Amino acid sequence: MITVVFLRGNRAVEVDAASVQEVSSKLSIIREQYVFIKNGKIVCEDEPLVDGDRLELFTVVSGG
């Protein structure tokens, strides 16, 4: 299982997934709205995941 932590909501869930893209799909996440951090390192959506990984989702904020 992968631990997915939403940093701006202080919420965590467990997901069975093999990649960041699969996590996004299973949780209905719009990938462009988040920065994905795997075990402390920023990663892309094609990053593989293994049991025990921690994936933190940081909401992207933009504007002027």
N, C-alpha and C. Protein backbone atom coordinates (compact mmCIF):
# COMPACT_ATOMS: atom_id res chain seq x y z
N MET A 1 0.83 -1.19 0.00
CA MET A 1 0.00 0.00 0.00
C MET A 1 0.88 1.25 0.00
N ILE A 2 0.38 2.27 -0.63
CA ILE A 2 1.04 3.56 -0.70
C ILE A 2 0.29 4.51 0.23
N THR A 3 1.01 5.23 1.05
CA THR A 3 0.40 6.25 1.89
C THR A 3 0.40 7.56 1.11
N VAL A 4 -0.78 8.11 0.88
CA VAL A 4 -0.92 9.37 0.15
C VAL A 4 -1.35 10.43 1.15
N VAL A 5 -0.54 11.49 1.25
CA VAL A 5 -0.79 12.56 2.21
C VAL A 5 -1.10 13.85 1.45
N PHE A 6 -2.26 14.44 1.71
CA PHE A 6 -2.62 15.73 1.14
C PHE A 6 -2.13 16.80 2.12
N LEU A 7 -1.07 17.52 1.73
CA LEU A 7 -0.42 18.44 2.66
C LEU A 7 -1.28 19.63 3.03
N ARG A 8 -2.14 20.09 2.15
CA ARG A 8 -2.97 21.25 2.46
C ARG A 8 -4.34 20.85 3.01
N GLY A 9 -4.50 19.75 3.52
CA GLY A 9 -5.75 19.34 4.11
C GLY A 9 -5.48 18.46 5.30
N ASN A 10 -4.21 18.20 5.47
CA ASN A 10 -3.77 17.36 6.58
C ASN A 10 -4.58 16.06 6.62
N ARG A 11 -4.68 15.41 5.44
CA ARG A 11 -5.45 14.18 5.31
C ARG A 11 -4.56 13.13 4.67
N ALA A 12 -4.71 11.90 5.10
CA ALA A 12 -3.93 10.79 4.52
C ALA A 12 -4.84 9.62 4.20
N VAL A 13 -4.52 8.93 3.09
CA VAL A 13 -5.26 7.73 2.69
C VAL A 13 -4.26 6.67 2.24
N GLU A 14 -4.69 5.44 2.24
CA GLU A 14 -3.88 4.32 1.75
C GLU A 14 -4.43 3.89 0.39
N VAL A 15 -3.53 3.70 -0.58
CA VAL A 15 -3.94 3.32 -1.93
C VAL A 15 -3.04 2.20 -2.43
N ASP A 16 -3.62 1.25 -3.13
CA ASP A 16 -2.85 0.20 -3.78
C ASP A 16 -2.61 0.66 -5.21
N ALA A 17 -1.38 1.07 -5.53
CA ALA A 17 -1.07 1.60 -6.86
C ALA A 17 0.40 1.34 -7.18
N ALA A 18 0.70 1.27 -8.50
CA ALA A 18 2.06 0.99 -8.94
C ALA A 18 2.77 2.22 -9.50
N SER A 19 2.03 3.35 -9.64
CA SER A 19 2.64 4.57 -10.17
C SER A 19 1.87 5.78 -9.65
N VAL A 20 2.49 6.94 -9.78
CA VAL A 20 1.83 8.19 -9.39
C VAL A 20 0.58 8.38 -10.23
N GLN A 21 0.66 8.06 -11.52
CA GLN A 21 -0.48 8.20 -12.42
C GLN A 21 -1.66 7.33 -11.95
N GLU A 22 -1.37 6.14 -11.48
CA GLU A 22 -2.42 5.25 -11.00
C GLU A 22 -3.06 5.81 -9.72
N VAL A 23 -2.26 6.40 -8.84
CA VAL A 23 -2.81 7.04 -7.64
C VAL A 23 -3.77 8.16 -8.06
N SER A 24 -3.32 8.98 -9.01
CA SER A 24 -4.16 10.09 -9.49
C SER A 24 -5.49 9.59 -10.02
N SER A 25 -5.43 8.53 -10.79
CA SER A 25 -6.64 7.96 -11.37
C SER A 25 -7.57 7.39 -10.31
N LYS A 26 -7.03 6.62 -9.38
CA LYS A 26 -7.86 6.00 -8.35
C LYS A 26 -8.50 7.02 -7.41
N LEU A 27 -7.81 8.15 -7.18
CA LEU A 27 -8.34 9.16 -6.27
C LEU A 27 -9.03 10.31 -7.00
N SER A 28 -9.16 10.19 -8.33
CA SER A 28 -9.79 11.23 -9.17
C SER A 28 -9.13 12.59 -8.95
N ILE A 29 -7.82 12.59 -9.00
CA ILE A 29 -7.03 13.80 -8.80
C ILE A 29 -6.68 14.40 -10.15
N ILE A 30 -6.81 15.71 -10.27
CA ILE A 30 -6.34 16.42 -11.46
C ILE A 30 -4.85 16.66 -11.27
N ARG A 31 -4.04 15.93 -12.02
CA ARG A 31 -2.58 15.93 -11.81
C ARG A 31 -1.95 17.31 -11.91
N GLU A 32 -2.47 18.15 -12.78
CA GLU A 32 -1.88 19.48 -12.98
C GLU A 32 -2.04 20.38 -11.76
N GLN A 33 -2.87 20.01 -10.81
CA GLN A 33 -3.11 20.83 -9.63
C GLN A 33 -2.21 20.47 -8.45
N TYR A 34 -1.32 19.49 -8.64
CA TYR A 34 -0.49 19.03 -7.52
C TYR A 34 0.97 18.84 -7.92
N VAL A 35 1.84 19.01 -6.95
CA VAL A 35 3.23 18.58 -7.05
C VAL A 35 3.29 17.29 -6.25
N PHE A 36 3.88 16.25 -6.83
CA PHE A 36 3.96 14.95 -6.18
C PHE A 36 5.35 14.77 -5.57
N ILE A 37 5.38 14.40 -4.30
CA ILE A 37 6.63 14.24 -3.57
C ILE A 37 6.68 12.81 -3.02
N LYS A 38 7.60 12.02 -3.56
CA LYS A 38 7.74 10.62 -3.14
C LYS A 38 8.94 10.50 -2.21
N ASN A 39 8.67 10.11 -0.99
CA ASN A 39 9.75 9.91 -0.01
C ASN A 39 10.70 11.11 0.05
N GLY A 40 10.11 12.33 -0.03
CA GLY A 40 10.90 13.56 0.11
C GLY A 40 11.48 14.12 -1.18
N LYS A 41 11.20 13.49 -2.34
CA LYS A 41 11.75 13.93 -3.61
C LYS A 41 10.62 14.19 -4.60
N ILE A 42 10.66 15.34 -5.30
CA ILE A 42 9.64 15.67 -6.30
C ILE A 42 9.77 14.68 -7.46
N VAL A 43 8.62 14.13 -7.89
CA VAL A 43 8.62 13.13 -8.97
C VAL A 43 7.56 13.46 -10.01
N CYS A 44 7.67 12.82 -11.18
CA CYS A 44 6.70 12.95 -12.27
C CYS A 44 5.62 11.88 -12.14
N GLU A 45 4.59 12.02 -12.97
CA GLU A 45 3.46 11.10 -12.87
C GLU A 45 3.79 9.68 -13.30
N ASP A 46 4.86 9.47 -14.06
CA ASP A 46 5.21 8.12 -14.47
C ASP A 46 6.14 7.41 -13.48
N GLU A 47 6.38 8.05 -12.34
CA GLU A 47 7.24 7.48 -11.30
C GLU A 47 6.64 6.19 -10.74
N PRO A 48 7.40 5.11 -10.74
CA PRO A 48 6.89 3.87 -10.14
C PRO A 48 6.83 3.97 -8.61
N LEU A 49 5.89 3.26 -8.03
CA LEU A 49 5.73 3.21 -6.58
C LEU A 49 5.82 1.76 -6.11
N VAL A 50 6.32 1.58 -4.90
CA VAL A 50 6.36 0.25 -4.31
C VAL A 50 5.71 0.30 -2.93
N ASP A 51 5.33 -0.85 -2.46
CA ASP A 51 4.68 -0.97 -1.16
C ASP A 51 5.51 -0.26 -0.09
N GLY A 52 4.85 0.59 0.69
CA GLY A 52 5.53 1.31 1.75
C GLY A 52 5.94 2.72 1.39
N ASP A 53 5.85 3.10 0.10
CA ASP A 53 6.19 4.46 -0.29
C ASP A 53 5.21 5.46 0.33
N ARG A 54 5.72 6.68 0.54
CA ARG A 54 4.89 7.78 1.03
C ARG A 54 4.85 8.82 -0.09
N LEU A 55 3.66 9.14 -0.56
CA LEU A 55 3.47 10.11 -1.63
C LEU A 55 2.73 11.31 -1.05
N GLU A 56 3.39 12.45 -1.03
CA GLU A 56 2.78 13.67 -0.52
C GLU A 56 2.30 14.50 -1.71
N LEU A 57 1.12 15.08 -1.58
CA LEU A 57 0.55 15.91 -2.63
C LEU A 57 0.47 17.34 -2.13
N PHE A 58 1.18 18.21 -2.82
CA PHE A 58 1.21 19.63 -2.46
C PHE A 58 0.43 20.38 -3.52
N THR A 59 -0.58 21.14 -3.12
CA THR A 59 -1.42 21.88 -4.05
C THR A 59 -0.66 23.02 -4.69
N VAL A 60 -0.72 23.11 -6.04
CA VAL A 60 -0.10 24.19 -6.77
C VAL A 60 -0.99 25.41 -6.70
N VAL A 61 -0.40 26.56 -6.40
CA VAL A 61 -1.15 27.82 -6.34
C VAL A 61 -0.52 28.78 -7.32
N SER A 62 -1.36 29.40 -8.13
CA SER A 62 -0.86 30.37 -9.09
C SER A 62 -1.79 31.57 -9.15
N GLY A 63 -1.31 32.61 -9.69
CA GLY A 63 -2.13 33.81 -9.81
C GLY A 63 -1.24 35.04 -9.94
N GLY A 64 -1.89 36.16 -9.97
CA GLY A 64 -1.10 37.37 -10.17
C GLY A 64 -1.46 38.45 -9.21
